[in-house]
Amino acid sequence: MGDMSNSSDFYAKNQRSENSHAGGFGCSVAELRSLMEQRAAEAVLRVQEDYGGVEGLCSRLNTSPTE
């Protein structure tokens, strides 16, 4: 395979602003990263409070909770 030394350049050029809701999504990359740091009951509570449950989070991400 090729040299991976330029991988950081690739990611830096292709990442959008983490604080914006780019691409029409109602949730930013920074918000998702923060949510992923939560564990167990804290994560469930945060999804309920911030997004109105799993369905609300999925709606913001333009995806289905079952597919």
PDB file of N, CA and C in Angstrom:
ATOM      1  N   MET A   1       0.839  -1.185   0.000  1.00  0.00           N
ATOM      2  CA  MET A   1       0.000   0.000   0.000  1.00  0.00           C
ATOM      3  C   MET A   1       0.877   1.238   0.000  1.00  0.00           C
ATOM      4  N   GLY A   2       0.251   2.386  -0.206  1.00  0.00           N
ATOM      5  CA  GLY A   2       0.987   3.642  -0.281  1.00  0.00           C
ATOM      6  C   GLY A   2       1.411   4.158   1.074  1.00  0.00           C
ATOM      7  N   ASP A   3       2.188   5.209   1.018  1.00  0.00           N
ATOM      8  CA  ASP A   3       2.686   5.866   2.218  1.00  0.00           C
ATOM      9  C   ASP A   3       1.540   6.587   2.917  1.00  0.00           C
ATOM     10  N   MET A   4       1.370   6.341   4.213  1.00  0.00           N
ATOM     11  CA  MET A   4       0.282   6.943   4.976  1.00  0.00           C
ATOM     12  C   MET A   4       0.703   8.241   5.658  1.00  0.00           C
ATOM     13  N   SER A   5       1.878   8.753   5.346  1.00  0.00           N
ATOM     14  CA  SER A   5       2.363   9.953   6.017  1.00  0.00           C
ATOM     15  C   SER A   5       1.521  11.179   5.698  1.00  0.00           C
ATOM     16  N   ASN A   6       0.791  11.161   4.615  1.00  0.00           N
ATOM     17  CA  ASN A   6      -0.036  12.302   4.241  1.00  0.00           C
ATOM     18  C   ASN A   6      -1.471  12.183   4.728  1.00  0.00           C
ATOM     19  N   SER A   7      -1.770  11.196   5.554  1.00  0.00           N
ATOM     20  CA  SER A   7      -3.154  10.984   5.987  1.00  0.00           C
ATOM     21  C   SER A   7      -3.703  12.175   6.762  1.00  0.00           C
ATOM     22  N   SER A   8      -2.868  12.854   7.552  1.00  0.00           N
ATOM     23  CA  SER A   8      -3.369  14.014   8.294  1.00  0.00           C
ATOM     24  C   SER A   8      -3.746  15.142   7.348  1.00  0.00           C
ATOM     25  N   ASP A   9      -3.018  15.278   6.226  1.00  0.00           N
ATOM     26  CA  ASP A   9      -3.378  16.281   5.229  1.00  0.00           C
ATOM     27  C   ASP A   9      -4.737  15.970   4.618  1.00  0.00           C
ATOM     28  N   PHE A  10      -4.984  14.703   4.345  1.00  0.00           N
ATOM     29  CA  PHE A  10      -6.254  14.284   3.765  1.00  0.00           C
ATOM     30  C   PHE A  10      -7.404  14.667   4.678  1.00  0.00           C
ATOM     31  N   TYR A  11      -7.301  14.328   5.957  1.00  0.00           N
ATOM     32  CA  TYR A  11      -8.396  14.603   6.887  1.00  0.00           C
ATOM     33  C   TYR A  11      -8.574  16.101   7.108  1.00  0.00           C
ATOM     34  N   ALA A  12      -7.497  16.841   7.192  1.00  0.00           N
ATOM     35  CA  ALA A  12      -7.599  18.282   7.416  1.00  0.00           C
ATOM     36  C   ALA A  12      -8.311  18.963   6.255  1.00  0.00           C
ATOM     37  N   LYS A  13      -8.057  18.505   5.053  1.00  0.00           N
ATOM     38  CA  LYS A  13      -8.664  19.123   3.873  1.00  0.00           C
ATOM     39  C   LYS A  13     -10.123  18.739   3.706  1.00  0.00           C
ATOM     40  N   ASN A  14     -10.512  17.574   4.179  1.00  0.00           N
ATOM     41  CA  ASN A  14     -11.843  17.063   3.911  1.00  0.00           C
ATOM     42  C   ASN A  14     -12.812  17.195   5.073  1.00  0.00           C
ATOM     43  N   GLN A  15     -12.399  17.724   6.197  1.00  0.00           N
ATOM     44  CA  GLN A  15     -13.309  17.882   7.317  1.00  0.00           C
ATOM     45  C   GLN A  15     -13.975  19.237   7.243  1.00  0.00           C
ATOM     46  N   ARG A  16     -15.254  19.235   7.580  1.00  0.00           N
ATOM     47  CA  ARG A  16     -15.994  20.489   7.634  1.00  0.00           C
ATOM     48  C   ARG A  16     -15.861  21.069   9.023  1.00  0.00           C
ATOM     49  N   SER A  17     -16.287  22.294   9.184  1.00  0.00           N
ATOM     50  CA  SER A  17     -16.282  22.935  10.492  1.00  0.00           C
ATOM     51  C   SER A  17     -17.094  22.109  11.475  1.00  0.00           C
ATOM     52  N   GLU A  18     -16.500  21.768  12.595  1.00  0.00           N
ATOM     53  CA  GLU A  18     -17.173  20.922  13.571  1.00  0.00           C
ATOM     54  C   GLU A  18     -18.268  21.655  14.319  1.00  0.00           C
ATOM     55  N   ASN A  19     -18.244  22.953  14.314  1.00  0.00           N
ATOM     56  CA  ASN A  19     -19.234  23.697  15.080  1.00  0.00           C
ATOM     57  C   ASN A  19     -20.477  24.026  14.272  1.00  0.00           C
ATOM     58  N   SER A  20     -20.433  23.818  12.962  1.00  0.00           N
ATOM     59  CA  SER A  20     -21.601  24.099  12.146  1.00  0.00           C
ATOM     60  C   SER A  20     -22.406  22.831  11.933  1.00  0.00           C
ATOM     61  N   HIS A  21     -23.595  23.006  11.465  1.00  0.00           N
ATOM     62  CA  HIS A  21     -24.444  21.868  11.147  1.00  0.00           C
ATOM     63  C   HIS A  21     -24.397  21.677   9.640  1.00  0.00           C
ATOM     64  N   ALA A  22     -23.208  21.406   9.140  1.00  0.00           N
ATOM     65  CA  ALA A  22     -22.965  21.279   7.707  1.00  0.00           C
ATOM     66  C   ALA A  22     -23.740  20.119   7.118  1.00  0.00           C
ATOM     67  N   GLY A  23     -24.058  20.254   5.857  1.00  0.00           N
ATOM     68  CA  GLY A  23     -24.733  19.183   5.144  1.00  0.00           C
ATOM     69  C   GLY A  23     -26.207  19.062   5.465  1.00  0.00           C
ATOM     70  N   GLY A  24     -26.779  20.035   6.148  1.00  0.00           N
ATOM     71  CA  GLY A  24     -28.196  19.993   6.446  1.00  0.00           C
ATOM     72  C   GLY A  24     -28.556  19.118   7.639  1.00  0.00           C
ATOM     73  N   PHE A  25     -27.572  18.669   8.385  1.00  0.00           N
ATOM     74  CA  PHE A  25     -27.846  17.848   9.562  1.00  0.00           C
ATOM     75  C   PHE A  25     -28.103  18.758  10.753  1.00  0.00           C
ATOM     76  N   GLY A  26     -28.942  18.320  11.671  1.00  0.00           N
ATOM     77  CA  GLY A  26     -29.277  19.104  12.847  1.00  0.00           C
ATOM     78  C   GLY A  26     -28.396  18.777  14.034  1.00  0.00           C
ATOM     79  N   CYS A  27     -27.225  18.221  13.757  1.00  0.00           N
ATOM     80  CA  CYS A  27     -26.306  17.828  14.817  1.00  0.00           C
ATOM     81  C   CYS A  27     -24.884  17.925  14.264  1.00  0.00           C
ATOM     82  N   SER A  28     -24.013  18.612  14.967  1.00  0.00           N
ATOM     83  CA  SER A  28     -22.651  18.789  14.474  1.00  0.00           C
ATOM     84  C   SER A  28     -21.749  17.619  14.874  1.00  0.00           C
ATOM     85  N   VAL A  29     -20.603  17.551  14.240  1.00  0.00           N
ATOM     86  CA  VAL A  29     -19.615  16.523  14.569  1.00  0.00           C
ATOM     87  C   VAL A  29     -19.171  16.676  16.018  1.00  0.00           C
ATOM     88  N   ALA A  30     -18.999  17.911  16.467  1.00  0.00           N
ATOM     89  CA  ALA A  30     -18.583  18.156  17.855  1.00  0.00           C
ATOM     90  C   ALA A  30     -19.640  17.637  18.834  1.00  0.00           C
ATOM     91  N   GLU A  31     -20.920  17.834  18.509  1.00  0.00           N
ATOM     92  CA  GLU A  31     -21.995  17.334  19.369  1.00  0.00           C
ATOM     93  C   GLU A  31     -21.984  15.811  19.423  1.00  0.00           C
ATOM     94  N   LEU A  32     -21.783  15.171  18.279  1.00  0.00           N
ATOM     95  CA  LEU A  32     -21.755  13.705  18.250  1.00  0.00           C
ATOM     96  C   LEU A  32     -20.553  13.161  19.012  1.00  0.00           C
ATOM     97  N   ARG A  33     -19.404  13.804  18.877  1.00  0.00           N
ATOM     98  CA  ARG A  33     -18.220  13.372  19.628  1.00  0.00           C
ATOM     99  C   ARG A  33     -18.462  13.478  21.122  1.00  0.00           C
ATOM    100  N   SER A  34     -19.054  14.579  21.539  1.00  0.00           N
ATOM    101  CA  SER A  34     -19.349  14.772  22.951  1.00  0.00           C
ATOM    102  C   SER A  34     -20.336  13.715  23.450  1.00  0.00           C
ATOM    103  N   LEU A  35     -21.329  13.414  22.644  1.00  0.00           N
ATOM    104  CA  LEU A  35     -22.308  12.400  23.007  1.00  0.00           C
ATOM    105  C   LEU A  35     -21.653  11.025  23.130  1.00  0.00           C
ATOM    106  N   MET A  36     -20.729  10.715  22.244  1.00  0.00           N
ATOM    107  CA  MET A  36     -20.058   9.415  22.271  1.00  0.00           C
ATOM    108  C   MET A  36     -19.173   9.236  23.506  1.00  0.00           C
ATOM    109  N   GLU A  37     -18.786  10.328  24.138  1.00  0.00           N
ATOM    110  CA  GLU A  37     -17.971  10.244  25.353  1.00  0.00           C
ATOM    111  C   GLU A  37     -18.803   9.863  26.571  1.00  0.00           C
ATOM    112  N   GLN A  38     -20.116   9.995  26.468  1.00  0.00           N
ATOM    113  CA  GLN A  38     -21.001   9.651  27.576  1.00  0.00           C
ATOM    114  C   GLN A  38     -21.121   8.141  27.693  1.00  0.00           C
ATOM    115  N   ARG A  39     -21.405   7.666  28.877  1.00  0.00           N
ATOM    116  CA  ARG A  39     -21.550   6.229  29.110  1.00  0.00           C
ATOM    117  C   ARG A  39     -22.853   5.923  29.831  1.00  0.00           C
ATOM    118  N   ALA A  40     -23.391   4.755  29.548  1.00  0.00           N
ATOM    119  CA  ALA A  40     -24.534   4.155  30.250  1.00  0.00           C
ATOM    120  C   ALA A  40     -25.696   5.134  30.409  1.00  0.00           C
ATOM    121  N   ALA A  41     -26.174   5.276  31.641  1.00  0.00           N
ATOM    122  CA  ALA A  41     -27.367   6.081  31.922  1.00  0.00           C
ATOM    123  C   ALA A  41     -27.173   7.546  31.537  1.00  0.00           C
ATOM    124  N   GLU A  42     -25.954   8.057  31.644  1.00  0.00           N
ATOM    125  CA  GLU A  42     -25.687   9.448  31.258  1.00  0.00           C
ATOM    126  C   GLU A  42     -25.971   9.660  29.775  1.00  0.00           C
ATOM    127  N   ALA A  43     -25.576   8.702  28.951  1.00  0.00           N
ATOM    128  CA  ALA A  43     -25.796   8.803  27.507  1.00  0.00           C
ATOM    129  C   ALA A  43     -27.283   8.753  27.189  1.00  0.00           C
ATOM    130  N   VAL A  44     -28.001   7.847  27.826  1.00  0.00           N
ATOM    131  CA  VAL A  44     -29.440   7.723  27.591  1.00  0.00           C
ATOM    132  C   VAL A  44     -30.146   9.010  27.982  1.00  0.00           C
ATOM    133  N   LEU A  45     -29.807   9.549  29.135  1.00  0.00           N
ATOM    134  CA  LEU A  45     -30.410  10.792  29.603  1.00  0.00           C
ATOM    135  C   LEU A  45     -30.114  11.941  28.650  1.00  0.00           C
ATOM    136  N   ARG A  46     -28.895  12.023  28.195  1.00  0.00           N
ATOM    137  CA  ARG A  46     -28.505  13.112  27.294  1.00  0.00           C
ATOM    138  C   ARG A  46     -29.240  13.012  25.959  1.00  0.00           C
ATOM    139  N   VAL A  47     -29.365  11.816  25.410  1.00  0.00           N
ATOM    140  CA  VAL A  47     -30.100  11.642  24.156  1.00  0.00           C
ATOM    141  C   VAL A  47     -31.556  12.056  24.358  1.00  0.00           C
ATOM    142  N   GLN A  48     -32.139  11.677  25.483  1.00  0.00           N
ATOM    143  CA  GLN A  48     -33.528  12.058  25.776  1.00  0.00           C
ATOM    144  C   GLN A  48     -33.673  13.566  25.902  1.00  0.00           C
ATOM    145  N   GLU A  49     -32.801  14.189  26.680  1.00  0.00           N
ATOM    146  CA  GLU A  49     -32.918  15.624  26.955  1.00  0.00           C
ATOM    147  C   GLU A  49     -32.560  16.485  25.743  1.00  0.00           C
ATOM    148  N   ASP A  50     -31.475  16.152  25.065  1.00  0.00           N
ATOM    149  CA  ASP A  50     -30.973  17.010  23.988  1.00  0.00           C
ATOM    150  C   ASP A  50     -31.645  16.770  22.643  1.00  0.00           C
ATOM    151  N   TYR A  51     -32.091  15.537  22.413  1.00  0.00           N
ATOM    152  CA  TYR A  51     -32.598  15.192  21.082  1.00  0.00           C
ATOM    153  C   TYR A  51     -34.014  14.638  21.079  1.00  0.00           C
ATOM    154  N   GLY A  52     -34.622  14.485  22.231  1.00  0.00           N
ATOM    155  CA  GLY A  52     -35.970  13.940  22.286  1.00  0.00           C
ATOM    156  C   GLY A  52     -36.016  12.443  22.050  1.00  0.00           C
ATOM    157  N   GLY A  53     -34.937  11.760  22.369  1.00  0.00           N
ATOM    158  CA  GLY A  53     -34.866  10.310  22.205  1.00  0.00           C
ATOM    159  C   GLY A  53     -34.117   9.911  20.949  1.00  0.00           C
ATOM    160  N   VAL A  54     -34.035   8.611  20.751  1.00  0.00           N
ATOM    161  CA  VAL A  54     -33.307   8.065  19.606  1.00  0.00           C
ATOM    162  C   VAL A  54     -33.953   8.517  18.291  1.00  0.00           C
ATOM    163  N   GLU A  55     -35.267   8.525  18.262  1.00  0.00           N
ATOM    164  CA  GLU A  55     -35.969   8.934  17.049  1.00  0.00           C
ATOM    165  C   GLU A  55     -35.625  10.381  16.685  1.00  0.00           C
ATOM    166  N   GLY A  56     -35.544  11.242  17.685  1.00  0.00           N
ATOM    167  CA  GLY A  56     -35.189  12.642  17.437  1.00  0.00           C
ATOM    168  C   GLY A  56     -33.778  12.798  16.920  1.00  0.00           C
ATOM    169  N   LEU A  57     -32.837  12.048  17.493  1.00  0.00           N
ATOM    170  CA  LEU A  57     -31.451  12.096  17.028  1.00  0.00           C
ATOM    171  C   LEU A  57     -31.361  11.576  15.600  1.00  0.00           C
ATOM    172  N   CYS A  58     -32.031  10.475  15.321  1.00  0.00           N
ATOM    173  CA  CYS A  58     -32.028   9.913  13.968  1.00  0.00           C
ATOM    174  C   CYS A  58     -32.639  10.887  12.972  1.00  0.00           C
ATOM    175  N   SER A  59     -33.689  11.564  13.379  1.00  0.00           N
ATOM    176  CA  SER A  59     -34.320  12.550  12.510  1.00  0.00           C
ATOM    177  C   SER A  59     -33.344  13.666  12.156  1.00  0.00           C
ATOM    178  N   ARG A  60     -32.599  14.136  13.151  1.00  0.00           N
ATOM    179  CA  ARG A  60     -31.609  15.188  12.893  1.00  0.00           C
ATOM    180  C   ARG A  60     -30.502  14.724  11.960  1.00  0.00           C
ATOM    181  N   LEU A  61     -30.199  13.448  12.012  1.00  0.00           N
ATOM    182  CA  LEU A  61     -29.131  12.894  11.176  1.00  0.00           C
ATOM    183  C   LEU A  61     -29.662  12.371   9.840  1.00  0.00           C
ATOM    184  N   ASN A  62     -30.939  12.591   9.595  1.00  0.00           N
ATOM    185  CA  ASN A  62     -31.580  12.160   8.345  1.00  0.00           C
ATOM    186  C   ASN A  62     -31.386  10.666   8.098  1.00  0.00           C
ATOM    187  N   THR A  63     -31.635   9.870   9.136  1.00  0.00           N
ATOM    188  CA  THR A  63     -31.505   8.431   9.023  1.00  0.00           C
ATOM    189  C   THR A  63     -32.653   7.744   9.751  1.00  0.00           C
ATOM    190  N   SER A  64     -32.738   6.451   9.619  1.00  0.00           N
ATOM    191  CA  SER A  64     -33.791   5.671  10.246  1.00  0.00           C
ATOM    192  C   SER A  64     -33.249   4.959  11.485  1.00  0.00           C
ATOM    193  N   PRO A  65     -34.024   4.911  12.568  1.00  0.00           N
ATOM    194  CA  PRO A  65     -33.560   4.194  13.760  1.00  0.00           C
ATOM    195  C   PRO A  65     -33.582   2.678  13.586  1.00  0.00           C
ATOM    196  N   THR A  66     -34.207   2.196  12.518  1.00  0.00           N
ATOM    197  CA  THR A  66     -34.299   0.737  12.327  1.00  0.00           C
ATOM    198  C   THR A  66     -33.563   0.219  11.109  1.00  0.00           C
ATOM    199  N   GLU A  67     -33.142   1.078  10.217  1.00  0.00           N
ATOM    200  CA  GLU A  67     -32.451   0.618   9.003  1.00  0.00           C
ATOM    201  C   GLU A  67     -30.992   1.003   9.011  1.00  0.00           C
TER     202      GLU A  67
END
